[in-house]
Each structure stands twice: as C-alpha cells, then as structure tokens.
C-alpha cells in the first residue's frame, strides 16, 4: 500500500548542498513515521534522520547541525536538506516509513560528494 520513491541525489563538491525528496505514491494518509537511511560501500546501513507525524526528530551525530528533515503530513512527502556536505556523506540514501505496524523502503538514490 505504501510505495516510496526518492529523488534529488547526484554529484556535489565538498561544502555543497543537496535536497532529497521522498513521495508515497500509494497515497497512504498520515504515515506515522518517516526517515532517511544511508549505506556506503563496505559499510552497514545507518539511520540518518527520523521524523514522526507529531513533530519529533532524531539525527545521527555525524549530521547534526548540517542536515534537516521535514515532513508534509497532508501530502505524505519527506525531504532531507543536506548542507556542508563531506566526502564521508557519500552513500545510497533510502527513504523509510513505519505505518500501521509495517516497514517500507524506497529504492534509494545515490549521493556522491567529491571534488
């Protein structure tokens, strides 16, 4: 029922910015929690940022002060504004949702930070 589609990835220089977006094409109303995970080659997948439908947020320490997660509950959309990007931010970024006891994942979008 929930179907997540990411966009906005690409190549950016260190210190630059990108904005990722995620849309639930299944149009499920009032998704309980959405977030972003990332996985770099040879590394485990890690949580980057989470946001609930009541406004609570959580960030991994390495992105605090640089990334901002936002949610539009009415449109079931999620965004991740990424500023001051570093080479270690390079990874495939996945949109994630928790709704009615089930977990959903997008297909991922590549973010590459390199000069």
PDB file of N, CA and C in Angstrom:
ATOM      1  N   UNK A   1       0.831  -1.206   0.000  1.00  0.00           N
ATOM      2  CA  UNK A   1       0.000   0.000   0.000  1.00  0.00           C
ATOM      3  C   UNK A   1       0.866   1.257   0.000  1.00  0.00           C
ATOM      4  N   UNK A   2       1.873   1.297   0.878  1.00  0.00           N
ATOM      5  CA  UNK A   2       2.842   2.381   0.872  1.00  0.00           C
ATOM      6  C   UNK A   2       3.900   2.074  -0.181  1.00  0.00           C
ATOM      7  N   UNK A   3       4.173   3.034  -1.054  1.00  0.00           N
ATOM      8  CA  UNK A   3       5.189   2.878  -2.086  1.00  0.00           C
ATOM      9  C   UNK A   3       6.020   4.148  -2.122  1.00  0.00           C
ATOM     10  N   UNK A   4       7.303   4.051  -1.762  1.00  0.00           N
ATOM     11  CA  UNK A   4       8.170   5.200  -1.576  1.00  0.00           C
ATOM     12  C   UNK A   4       9.088   5.377  -2.773  1.00  0.00           C
ATOM     13  N   UNK A   5       9.195   6.614  -3.249  1.00  0.00           N
ATOM     14  CA  UNK A   5      10.035   6.953  -4.389  1.00  0.00           C
ATOM     15  C   UNK A   5      10.903   8.146  -4.021  1.00  0.00           C
ATOM     16  N   UNK A   6      12.233   7.963  -4.094  1.00  0.00           N
ATOM     17  CA  UNK A   6      13.177   9.031  -3.765  1.00  0.00           C
ATOM     18  C   UNK A   6      13.639   9.758  -5.022  1.00  0.00           C
ATOM     19  N   UNK A   7      14.095  10.994  -4.820  1.00  0.00           N
ATOM     20  CA  UNK A   7      14.702  11.764  -5.888  1.00  0.00           C
ATOM     21  C   UNK A   7      15.628  12.808  -5.275  1.00  0.00           C
ATOM     22  N   UNK A   8      16.485  13.404  -6.097  1.00  0.00           N
ATOM     23  CA  UNK A   8      17.327  14.506  -5.663  1.00  0.00           C
ATOM     24  C   UNK A   8      18.794  14.183  -5.481  1.00  0.00           C
ATOM     25  N   UNK A   9      19.188  12.933  -5.610  1.00  0.00           N
ATOM     26  CA  UNK A   9      20.584  12.579  -5.469  1.00  0.00           C
ATOM     27  C   UNK A   9      21.408  13.074  -6.640  1.00  0.00           C
ATOM     28  N   UNK A  10      22.729  13.042  -6.467  1.00  0.00           N
ATOM     29  CA  UNK A  10      23.622  13.485  -7.517  1.00  0.00           C
ATOM     30  C   UNK A  10      25.026  13.693  -7.014  1.00  0.00           C
ATOM     31  N   UNK A  11      25.818  14.385  -7.822  1.00  0.00           N
ATOM     32  CA  UNK A  11      27.211  14.683  -7.517  1.00  0.00           C
ATOM     33  C   UNK A  11      27.334  16.122  -7.047  1.00  0.00           C
ATOM     34  N   UNK A  12      28.031  16.326  -5.930  1.00  0.00           N
ATOM     35  CA  UNK A  12      28.214  17.659  -5.378  1.00  0.00           C
ATOM     36  C   UNK A  12      29.622  17.762  -4.791  1.00  0.00           C
ATOM     37  N   UNK A  13      30.189  18.960  -4.812  1.00  0.00           N
ATOM     38  CA  UNK A  13      31.515  19.180  -4.238  1.00  0.00           C
ATOM     39  C   UNK A  13      31.445  19.287  -2.719  1.00  0.00           C
ATOM     40  N   UNK A  14      32.530  18.967  -2.021  1.00  0.00           N
ATOM     41  CA  UNK A  14      32.542  19.158  -0.576  1.00  0.00           C
ATOM     42  C   UNK A  14      32.159  20.586  -0.194  1.00  0.00           C
ATOM     43  N   UNK A  15      31.334  20.710   0.842  1.00  0.00           N
ATOM     44  CA  UNK A  15      30.819  22.001   1.262  1.00  0.00           C
ATOM     45  C   UNK A  15      29.532  22.406   0.580  1.00  0.00           C
ATOM     46  N   UNK A  16      29.121  21.673  -0.435  1.00  0.00           N
ATOM     47  CA  UNK A  16      27.906  21.985  -1.157  1.00  0.00           C
ATOM     48  C   UNK A  16      26.664  21.438  -0.486  1.00  0.00           C
ATOM     49  N   UNK A  17      25.535  21.571  -1.180  1.00  0.00           N
ATOM     50  CA  UNK A  17      24.240  21.179  -0.636  1.00  0.00           C
ATOM     51  C   UNK A  17      23.441  20.363  -1.636  1.00  0.00           C
ATOM     52  N   UNK A  18      22.585  19.502  -1.113  1.00  0.00           N
ATOM     53  CA  UNK A  18      21.609  18.755  -1.890  1.00  0.00           C
ATOM     54  C   UNK A  18      20.327  18.657  -1.086  1.00  0.00           C
ATOM     55  N   UNK A  19      19.214  18.500  -1.784  1.00  0.00           N
ATOM     56  CA  UNK A  19      17.930  18.301  -1.145  1.00  0.00           C
ATOM     57  C   UNK A  19      17.299  17.036  -1.708  1.00  0.00           C
ATOM     58  N   UNK A  20      17.078  16.055  -0.847  1.00  0.00           N
ATOM     59  CA  UNK A  20      16.436  14.810  -1.227  1.00  0.00           C
ATOM     60  C   UNK A  20      14.941  14.879  -0.930  1.00  0.00           C
ATOM     61  N   UNK A  21      14.155  14.225  -1.777  1.00  0.00           N
ATOM     62  CA  UNK A  21      12.713  14.183  -1.587  1.00  0.00           C
ATOM     63  C   UNK A  21      12.221  12.750  -1.683  1.00  0.00           C
ATOM     64  N   UNK A  22      11.138  12.469  -0.974  1.00  0.00           N
ATOM     65  CA  UNK A  22      10.511  11.154  -0.980  1.00  0.00           C
ATOM     66  C   UNK A  22       9.004  11.342  -1.011  1.00  0.00           C
ATOM     67  N   UNK A  23       8.351  10.625  -1.903  1.00  0.00           N
ATOM     68  CA  UNK A  23       6.903  10.705  -2.048  1.00  0.00           C
ATOM     69  C   UNK A  23       6.301   9.314  -1.898  1.00  0.00           C
ATOM     70  N   UNK A  24       5.205   9.218  -1.149  1.00  0.00           N
ATOM     71  CA  UNK A  24       4.451   7.976  -1.062  1.00  0.00           C
ATOM     72  C   UNK A  24       3.443   7.963  -2.203  1.00  0.00           C
ATOM     73  N   UNK A  25       3.784   7.250  -3.274  1.00  0.00           N
ATOM     74  CA  UNK A  25       2.881   7.179  -4.416  1.00  0.00           C
ATOM     75  C   UNK A  25       1.642   6.343  -4.120  1.00  0.00           C
ATOM     76  N   UNK A  26       1.656   5.564  -3.028  1.00  0.00           N
ATOM     77  CA  UNK A  26       0.482   4.821  -2.623  1.00  0.00           C
ATOM     78  C   UNK A  26      -0.564   5.670  -1.930  1.00  0.00           C
ATOM     79  N   UNK A  27      -0.219   6.896  -1.587  1.00  0.00           N
ATOM     80  CA  UNK A  27      -1.131   7.892  -1.004  1.00  0.00           C
ATOM     81  C   UNK A  27      -1.771   7.411   0.291  1.00  0.00           C
ATOM     82  N   UNK A  28      -1.003   6.741   1.145  1.00  0.00           N
ATOM     83  CA  UNK A  28      -1.480   6.355   2.462  1.00  0.00           C
ATOM     84  C   UNK A  28      -1.563   7.583   3.355  1.00  0.00           C
ATOM     85  N   UNK A  29      -2.690   7.808   4.021  1.00  0.00           N
ATOM     86  CA  UNK A  29      -2.826   9.012   4.845  1.00  0.00           C
ATOM     87  C   UNK A  29      -2.099   8.904   6.182  1.00  0.00           C
ATOM     88  N   UNK A  30      -1.521  10.022   6.608  1.00  0.00           N
ATOM     89  CA  UNK A  30      -0.977  10.187   7.955  1.00  0.00           C
ATOM     90  C   UNK A  30      -0.016   9.063   8.332  1.00  0.00           C
ATOM     91  N   UNK A  31       1.063   8.921   7.566  1.00  0.00           N
ATOM     92  CA  UNK A  31       2.093   7.934   7.883  1.00  0.00           C
ATOM     93  C   UNK A  31       2.728   8.284   9.229  1.00  0.00           C
ATOM     94  N   UNK A  32       2.866   7.289  10.110  1.00  0.00           N
ATOM     95  CA  UNK A  32       3.266   7.537  11.494  1.00  0.00           C
ATOM     96  C   UNK A  32       4.681   8.074  11.627  1.00  0.00           C
ATOM     97  N   UNK A  33       5.618   7.508  10.874  1.00  0.00           N
ATOM     98  CA  UNK A  33       6.999   7.949  10.969  1.00  0.00           C
ATOM     99  C   UNK A  33       7.707   7.711   9.644  1.00  0.00           C
ATOM    100  N   UNK A  34       8.535   8.661   9.249  1.00  0.00           N
ATOM    101  CA  UNK A  34       9.331   8.543   8.044  1.00  0.00           C
ATOM    102  C   UNK A  34      10.755   8.989   8.336  1.00  0.00           C
ATOM    103  N   UNK A  35      11.682   8.533   7.504  1.00  0.00           N
ATOM    104  CA  UNK A  35      13.062   8.900   7.735  1.00  0.00           C
ATOM    105  C   UNK A  35      13.963   8.565   6.571  1.00  0.00           C
ATOM    106  N   UNK A  36      15.249   8.788   6.807  1.00  0.00           N
ATOM    107  CA  UNK A  36      16.279   8.527   5.809  1.00  0.00           C
ATOM    108  C   UNK A  36      17.373   7.660   6.413  1.00  0.00           C
ATOM    109  N   UNK A  37      17.757   6.630   5.683  1.00  0.00           N
ATOM    110  CA  UNK A  37      18.906   5.799   5.990  1.00  0.00           C
ATOM    111  C   UNK A  37      19.902   5.912   4.850  1.00  0.00           C
ATOM    112  N   UNK A  38      21.149   5.534   5.108  1.00  0.00           N
ATOM    113  CA  UNK A  38      22.146   5.534   4.050  1.00  0.00           C
ATOM    114  C   UNK A  38      23.087   4.351   4.210  1.00  0.00           C
ATOM    115  N   UNK A  39      23.667   3.931   3.088  1.00  0.00           N
ATOM    116  CA  UNK A  39      24.613   2.831   3.097  1.00  0.00           C
ATOM    117  C   UNK A  39      25.723   3.112   2.093  1.00  0.00           C
ATOM    118  N   UNK A  40      26.951   3.173   2.585  1.00  0.00           N
ATOM    119  CA  UNK A  40      28.124   3.349   1.750  1.00  0.00           C
ATOM    120  C   UNK A  40      28.731   1.985   1.440  1.00  0.00           C
ATOM    121  N   UNK A  41      29.484   1.862   0.342  1.00  0.00           N
ATOM    122  CA  UNK A  41      30.111   0.581   0.006  1.00  0.00           C
ATOM    123  C   UNK A  41      30.988   0.068   1.143  1.00  0.00           C
ATOM    124  N   UNK A  42      30.802  -1.195   1.513  1.00  0.00           N
ATOM    125  CA  UNK A  42      31.587  -1.798   2.569  1.00  0.00           C
ATOM    126  C   UNK A  42      31.176  -1.426   3.975  1.00  0.00           C
ATOM    127  N   UNK A  43      30.100  -0.658   4.129  1.00  0.00           N
ATOM    128  CA  UNK A  43      29.643  -0.239   5.445  1.00  0.00           C
ATOM    129  C   UNK A  43      28.212  -0.705   5.686  1.00  0.00           C
ATOM    130  N   UNK A  44      27.826  -0.736   6.958  1.00  0.00           N
ATOM    131  CA  UNK A  44      26.467  -1.100   7.324  1.00  0.00           C
ATOM    132  C   UNK A  44      25.520   0.071   7.076  1.00  0.00           C
ATOM    133  N   UNK A  45      24.268  -0.257   6.820  1.00  0.00           N
ATOM    134  CA  UNK A  45      23.261   0.777   6.678  1.00  0.00           C
ATOM    135  C   UNK A  45      23.049   1.459   8.028  1.00  0.00           C
ATOM    136  N   UNK A  46      22.930   2.787   8.008  1.00  0.00           N
ATOM    137  CA  UNK A  46      22.752   3.531   9.231  1.00  0.00           C
ATOM    138  C   UNK A  46      21.588   4.507   9.112  1.00  0.00           C
ATOM    139  N   UNK A  47      20.953   4.770  10.238  1.00  0.00           N
ATOM    140  CA  UNK A  47      19.905   5.772  10.296  1.00  0.00           C
ATOM    141  C   UNK A  47      20.529   7.151  10.226  1.00  0.00           C
ATOM    142  N   UNK A  48      19.975   8.003   9.380  1.00  0.00           N
ATOM    143  CA  UNK A  48      20.450   9.375   9.239  1.00  0.00           C
ATOM    144  C   UNK A  48      19.549  10.343   9.982  1.00  0.00           C
ATOM    145  N   UNK A  49      18.255  10.273   9.720  1.00  0.00           N
ATOM    146  CA  UNK A  49      17.308  11.199  10.327  1.00  0.00           C
ATOM    147  C   UNK A  49      15.917  10.592  10.317  1.00  0.00           C
ATOM    148  N   UNK A  50      15.147  10.856  11.384  1.00  0.00           N
ATOM    149  CA  UNK A  50      13.779  10.389  11.511  1.00  0.00           C
ATOM    150  C   UNK A  50      12.879  11.552  11.902  1.00  0.00           C
ATOM    151  N   UNK A  51      11.622  11.469  11.466  1.00  0.00           N
ATOM    152  CA  UNK A  51      10.632  12.456  11.876  1.00  0.00           C
ATOM    153  C   UNK A  51       9.269  11.782  11.983  1.00  0.00           C
ATOM    154  N   UNK A  52       8.596  11.997  13.112  1.00  0.00           N
ATOM    155  CA  UNK A  52       7.278  11.436  13.327  1.00  0.00           C
ATOM    156  C   UNK A  52       6.207  12.419  12.882  1.00  0.00           C
ATOM    157  N   UNK A  53       4.966  11.925  12.809  1.00  0.00           N
ATOM    158  CA  UNK A  53       3.859  12.782  12.414  1.00  0.00           C
ATOM    159  C   UNK A  53       3.420  13.731  13.523  1.00  0.00           C
ATOM    160  N   UNK A  54       4.039  13.640  14.706  1.00  0.00           N
ATOM    161  CA  UNK A  54       3.774  14.600  15.770  1.00  0.00           C
ATOM    162  C   UNK A  54       4.937  15.569  15.948  1.00  0.00           C
ATOM    163  N   UNK A  55       5.934  15.514  15.062  1.00  0.00           N
ATOM    164  CA  UNK A  55       6.970  16.519  15.024  1.00  0.00           C
ATOM    165  C   UNK A  55       8.285  16.186  15.681  1.00  0.00           C
ATOM    166  N   UNK A  56       8.417  15.037  16.309  1.00  0.00           N
ATOM    167  CA  UNK A  56       9.683  14.676  16.927  1.00  0.00           C
ATOM    168  C   UNK A  56      10.698  14.293  15.860  1.00  0.00           C
ATOM    169  N   UNK A  57      11.967  14.575  16.120  1.00  0.00           N
ATOM    170  CA  UNK A  57      13.040  14.282  15.175  1.00  0.00           C
ATOM    171  C   UNK A  57      14.204  13.617  15.879  1.00  0.00           C
ATOM    172  N   UNK A  58      15.003  12.910  15.100  1.00  0.00           N
ATOM    173  CA  UNK A  58      16.199  12.255  15.609  1.00  0.00           C
ATOM    174  C   UNK A  58      17.231  12.217  14.487  1.00  0.00           C
ATOM    175  N   UNK A  59      18.490  12.556  14.809  1.00  0.00           N
ATOM    176  CA  UNK A  59      19.571  12.584  13.838  1.00  0.00           C
ATOM    177  C   UNK A  59      20.765  11.796  14.344  1.00  0.00           C
ATOM    178  N   UNK A  60      21.467  11.156  13.423  1.00  0.00           N
ATOM    179  CA  UNK A  60      22.745  10.566  13.776  1.00  0.00           C
ATOM    180  C   UNK A  60      23.729  11.708  14.077  1.00  0.00           C
ATOM    181  N   UNK A  61      24.628  11.484  15.029  1.00  0.00           N
ATOM    182  CA  UNK A  61      25.508  12.559  15.494  1.00  0.00           C
ATOM    183  C   UNK A  61      26.303  13.202  14.364  1.00  0.00           C
ATOM    184  N   UNK A  62      26.716  12.426  13.387  1.00  0.00           N
ATOM    185  CA  UNK A  62      27.600  12.928  12.346  1.00  0.00           C
ATOM    186  C   UNK A  62      26.950  13.961  11.427  1.00  0.00           C
ATOM    187  N   UNK A  63      25.615  14.076  11.433  1.00  0.00           N
ATOM    188  CA  UNK A  63      24.947  15.028  10.546  1.00  0.00           C
ATOM    189  C   UNK A  63      24.257  16.153  11.302  1.00  0.00           C
ATOM    190  N   UNK A  64      24.279  16.129  12.623  1.00  0.00           N
ATOM    191  CA  UNK A  64      23.619  17.170  13.406  1.00  0.00           C
ATOM    192  C   UNK A  64      24.212  18.539  13.086  1.00  0.00           C
ATOM    193  N   UNK A  65      23.334  19.502  12.862  1.00  0.00           N
ATOM    194  CA  UNK A  65      23.752  20.840  12.504  1.00  0.00           C
ATOM    195  C   UNK A  65      23.954  21.050  11.024  1.00  0.00           C
ATOM    196  N   UNK A  66      23.955  19.975  10.234  1.00  0.00           N
ATOM    197  CA  UNK A  66      24.155  20.076   8.789  1.00  0.00           C
ATOM    198  C   UNK A  66      22.934  19.632   7.995  1.00  0.00           C
ATOM    199  N   UNK A  67      22.225  18.611   8.476  1.00  0.00           N
ATOM    200  CA  UNK A  67      21.060  18.058   7.779  1.00  0.00           C
ATOM    201  C   UNK A  67      19.789  18.456   8.515  1.00  0.00           C
ATOM    202  N   UNK A  68      18.712  18.648   7.759  1.00  0.00           N
ATOM    203  CA  UNK A  68      17.409  18.947   8.330  1.00  0.00           C
ATOM    204  C   UNK A  68      16.350  18.099   7.645  1.00  0.00           C
ATOM    205  N   UNK A  69      15.575  17.346   8.434  1.00  0.00           N
ATOM    206  CA  UNK A  69      14.496  16.535   7.905  1.00  0.00           C
ATOM    207  C   UNK A  69      13.182  17.281   8.095  1.00  0.00           C
ATOM    208  N   UNK A  70      12.300  17.187   7.115  1.00  0.00           N
ATOM    209  CA  UNK A  70      10.989  17.812   7.206  1.00  0.00           C
ATOM    210  C   UNK A  70       9.954  16.899   6.572  1.00  0.00           C
ATOM    211  N   UNK A  71       8.707  17.029   7.028  1.00  0.00           N
ATOM    212  CA  UNK A  71       7.622  16.175   6.564  1.00  0.00           C
ATOM    213  C   UNK A  71       6.384  17.011   6.305  1.00  0.00           C
ATOM    214  N   UNK A  72       5.710  16.702   5.215  1.00  0.00           N
ATOM    215  CA  UNK A  72       4.403  17.266   4.923  1.00  0.00           C
ATOM    216  C   UNK A  72       3.395  16.139   5.099  1.00  0.00           C
ATOM    217  N   UNK A  73       2.691  16.130   6.241  1.00  0.00           N
ATOM    218  CA  UNK A  73       1.792  15.032   6.569  1.00  0.00           C
ATOM    219  C   UNK A  73       0.634  14.913   5.581  1.00  0.00           C
ATOM    220  N   UNK A  74       0.090  16.042   5.160  1.00  0.00           N
ATOM    221  CA  UNK A  74      -1.063  16.022   4.269  1.00  0.00           C
ATOM    222  C   UNK A  74      -0.722  15.425   2.912  1.00  0.00           C
ATOM    223  N   UNK A  75       0.492  15.655   2.438  1.00  0.00           N
ATOM    224  CA  UNK A  75       0.903  15.174   1.122  1.00  0.00           C
ATOM    225  C   UNK A  75       1.746  13.906   1.182  1.00  0.00           C
ATOM    226  N   UNK A  76       2.038  13.413   2.395  1.00  0.00           N
ATOM    227  CA  UNK A  76       2.887  12.228   2.582  1.00  0.00           C
ATOM    228  C   UNK A  76       4.216  12.362   1.850  1.00  0.00           C
ATOM    229  N   UNK A  77       4.854  13.513   2.027  1.00  0.00           N
ATOM    230  CA  UNK A  77       6.156  13.755   1.438  1.00  0.00           C
ATOM    231  C   UNK A  77       7.189  13.989   2.528  1.00  0.00           C
ATOM    232  N   UNK A  78       8.429  13.667   2.213  1.00  0.00           N
ATOM    233  CA  UNK A  78       9.543  13.797   3.137  1.00  0.00           C
ATOM    234  C   UNK A  78      10.722  14.418   2.406  1.00  0.00           C
ATOM    235  N   UNK A  79      11.430  15.318   3.084  1.00  0.00           N
ATOM    236  CA  UNK A  79      12.595  15.969   2.500  1.00  0.00           C
ATOM    237  C   UNK A  79      13.780  15.886   3.453  1.00  0.00           C
ATOM    238  N   UNK A  80      14.962  15.897   2.872  1.00  0.00           N
ATOM    239  CA  UNK A  80      16.197  15.974   3.646  1.00  0.00           C
ATOM    240  C   UNK A  80      17.076  17.036   3.008  1.00  0.00           C
ATOM    241  N   UNK A  81      17.222  18.154   3.703  1.00  0.00           N
ATOM    242  CA  UNK A  81      18.114  19.211   3.263  1.00  0.00           C
ATOM    243  C   UNK A  81      19.500  18.929   3.818  1.00  0.00           C
ATOM    244  N   UNK A  82      20.481  18.767   2.939  1.00  0.00           N
ATOM    245  CA  UNK A  82      21.834  18.416   3.327  1.00  0.00           C
ATOM    246  C   UNK A  82      22.769  19.564   2.968  1.00  0.00           C
ATOM    247  N   UNK A  83      23.360  20.178   3.978  1.00  0.00           N
ATOM    248  CA  UNK A  83      24.293  21.281   3.797  1.00  0.00           C
ATOM    249  C   UNK A  83      25.677  20.887   4.290  1.00  0.00           C
ATOM    250  N   UNK A  84      26.673  21.660   3.872  1.00  0.00           N
ATOM    251  CA  UNK A  84      28.062  21.429   4.287  1.00  0.00           C
ATOM    252  C   UNK A  84      28.465  19.971   4.096  1.00  0.00           C
ATOM    253  N   UNK A  85      28.185  19.450   2.929  1.00  0.00           N
ATOM    254  CA  UNK A  85      28.417  18.032   2.665  1.00  0.00           C
ATOM    255  C   UNK A  85      29.901  17.680   2.688  1.00  0.00           C
ATOM    256  N   UNK A  86      30.182  16.481   3.171  1.00  0.00           N
ATOM    257  CA  UNK A  86      31.528  15.957   3.296  1.00  0.00           C
ATOM    258  C   UNK A  86      31.667  14.692   2.459  1.00  0.00           C
ATOM    259  N   UNK A  87      32.890  14.343   2.051  1.00  0.00           N
ATOM    260  CA  UNK A  87      33.070  13.093   1.288  1.00  0.00           C
ATOM    261  C   UNK A  87      32.520  11.870   2.004  1.00  0.00           C
ATOM    262  N   UNK A  88      32.574  11.840   3.330  1.00  0.00           N
ATOM    263  CA  UNK A  88      32.065  10.703   4.071  1.00  0.00           C
ATOM    264  C   UNK A  88      30.543  10.603   4.056  1.00  0.00           C
ATOM    265  N   UNK A  89      29.856  11.609   3.524  1.00  0.00           N
ATOM    266  CA  UNK A  89      28.411  11.529   3.330  1.00  0.00           C
ATOM    267  C   UNK A  89      28.049  10.736   2.082  1.00  0.00           C
ATOM    268  N   UNK A  90      29.017  10.384   1.267  1.00  0.00           N
ATOM    269  CA  UNK A  90      28.760   9.626   0.046  1.00  0.00           C
ATOM    270  C   UNK A  90      28.141   8.275   0.379  1.00  0.00           C
ATOM    271  N   UNK A  91      26.981   7.999  -0.207  1.00  0.00           N
ATOM    272  CA  UNK A  91      26.249   6.768   0.076  1.00  0.00           C
ATOM    273  C   UNK A  91      25.004   6.720  -0.790  1.00  0.00           C
ATOM    274  N   UNK A  92      24.348   5.563  -0.784  1.00  0.00           N
ATOM    275  CA  UNK A  92      22.998   5.465  -1.304  1.00  0.00           C
ATOM    276  C   UNK A  92      22.050   5.793  -0.165  1.00  0.00           C
ATOM    277  N   UNK A  93      21.157   6.741  -0.400  1.00  0.00           N
ATOM    278  CA  UNK A  93      20.210   7.179   0.613  1.00  0.00           C
ATOM    279  C   UNK A  93      18.841   6.572   0.335  1.00  0.00           C
ATOM    280  N   UNK A  94      18.235   6.001   1.383  1.00  0.00           N
ATOM    281  CA  UNK A  94      16.964   5.307   1.273  1.00  0.00           C
ATOM    282  C   UNK A  94      15.892   5.997   2.102  1.00  0.00           C
ATOM    283  N   UNK A  95      14.755   6.213   1.508  1.00  0.00           N
ATOM    284  CA  UNK A  95      13.589   6.670   2.237  1.00  0.00           C
ATOM    285  C   UNK A  95      12.959   5.487   2.972  1.00  0.00           C
ATOM    286  N   UNK A  96      12.463   5.744   4.190  1.00  0.00           N
ATOM    287  CA  UNK A  96      11.916   4.692   5.044  1.00  0.00           C
ATOM    288  C   UNK A  96      10.643   5.192   5.715  1.00  0.00           C
ATOM    289  N   UNK A  97       9.693   4.290   5.916  1.00  0.00           N
ATOM    290  CA  UNK A  97       8.451   4.654   6.583  1.00  0.00           C
ATOM    291  C   UNK A  97       7.987   3.530   7.494  1.00  0.00           C
ATOM    292  N   UNK A  98       7.361   3.907   8.615  1.00  0.00           N
ATOM    293  CA  UNK A  98       6.722   2.983   9.545  1.00  0.00           C
ATOM    294  C   UNK A  98       5.267   3.380   9.652  1.00  0.00           C
ATOM    295  N   UNK A  99       4.374   2.452   9.328  1.00  0.00           N
ATOM    296  CA  UNK A  99       2.970   2.789   9.295  1.00  0.00           C
ATOM    297  C   UNK A  99       2.130   1.546   9.561  1.00  0.00           C
ATOM    298  N   UNK A 100       1.236   1.650  10.535  1.00  0.00           N
ATOM    299  CA  UNK A 100       0.308   0.577  10.881  1.00  0.00           C
ATOM    300  C   UNK A 100       1.040  -0.751  11.106  1.00  0.00           C
ATOM    301  N   UNK A 101       2.180  -0.677  11.789  1.00  0.00           N
ATOM    302  CA  UNK A 101       2.914  -1.866  12.154  1.00  0.00           C
ATOM    303  C   UNK A 101       3.780  -2.467  11.070  1.00  0.00           C
ATOM    304  N   UNK A 102       3.925  -1.784   9.942  1.00  0.00           N
ATOM    305  CA  UNK A 102       4.730  -2.294   8.839  1.00  0.00           C
ATOM    306  C   UNK A 102       5.823  -1.316   8.448  1.00  0.00           C
ATOM    307  N   UNK A 103       6.876  -1.848   7.851  1.00  0.00           N
ATOM    308  CA  UNK A 103       8.051  -1.091   7.455  1.00  0.00           C
ATOM    309  C   UNK A 103       8.152  -1.074   5.934  1.00  0.00           C
ATOM    310  N   UNK A 104       8.519   0.089   5.374  1.00  0.00           N
ATOM    311  CA  UNK A 104       8.590   0.259   3.932  1.00  0.00           C
ATOM    312  C   UNK A 104       9.878   0.971   3.557  1.00  0.00           C
ATOM    313  N   UNK A 105      10.412   0.616   2.380  1.00  0.00           N
ATOM    314  CA  UNK A 105      11.667   1.190   1.884  1.00  0.00           C
ATOM    315  C   UNK A 105      11.523   1.645   0.445  1.00  0.00           C
ATOM    316  N   UNK A 106      12.214   2.751   0.116  1.00  0.00           N
ATOM    317  CA  UNK A 106      12.354   3.158  -1.262  1.00  0.00           C
ATOM    318  C   UNK A 106      13.499   2.433  -1.934  1.00  0.00           C
ATOM    319  N   UNK A 107      13.711   2.719  -3.215  1.00  0.00           N
ATOM    320  CA  UNK A 107      14.748   2.046  -3.986  1.00  0.00           C
ATOM    321  C   UNK A 107      16.134   2.654  -3.789  1.00  0.00           C
ATOM    322  N   UNK A 108      16.207   3.860  -3.269  1.00  0.00           N
ATOM    323  CA  UNK A 108      17.477   4.502  -2.997  1.00  0.00           C
ATOM    324  C   UNK A 108      17.883   5.494  -4.068  1.00  0.00           C
ATOM    325  N   UNK A 109      18.653   6.499  -3.660  1.00  0.00           N
ATOM    326  CA  UNK A 109      19.203   7.485  -4.578  1.00  0.00           C
ATOM    327  C   UNK A 109      20.655   7.753  -4.197  1.00  0.00           C
ATOM    328  N   UNK A 110      21.532   7.801  -5.190  1.00  0.00           N
ATOM    329  CA  UNK A 110      22.969   7.933  -4.958  1.00  0.00           C
ATOM    330  C   UNK A 110      23.343   9.383  -4.685  1.00  0.00           C
ATOM    331  N   UNK A 111      24.100   9.592  -3.614  1.00  0.00           N
ATOM    332  CA  UNK A 111      24.693  10.887  -3.292  1.00  0.00           C
ATOM    333  C   UNK A 111      26.207  10.717  -3.285  1.00  0.00           C
ATOM    334  N   UNK A 112      26.891  11.503  -4.107  1.00  0.00           N
ATOM    335  CA  UNK A 112      28.342  11.448  -4.188  1.00  0.00           C
ATOM    336  C   UNK A 112      28.914  12.827  -3.909  1.00  0.00           C
ATOM    337  N   UNK A 113      29.791  12.915  -2.916  1.00  0.00           N
ATOM    338  CA  UNK A 113      30.434  14.169  -2.531  1.00  0.00           C
ATOM    339  C   UNK A 113      31.910  14.043  -2.869  1.00  0.00           C
ATOM    340  N   UNK A 114      32.346  14.768  -3.886  1.00  0.00           N
ATOM    341  CA  UNK A 114      33.712  14.638  -4.370  1.00  0.00           C
ATOM    342  C   UNK A 114      34.105  15.893  -5.131  1.00  0.00           C
ATOM    343  N   UNK A 115      35.387  16.238  -5.063  1.00  0.00           N
ATOM    344  CA  UNK A 115      35.912  17.353  -5.825  1.00  0.00           C
ATOM    345  C   UNK A 115      36.492  16.902  -7.147  1.00  0.00           C
TER     346      UNK A 115
END
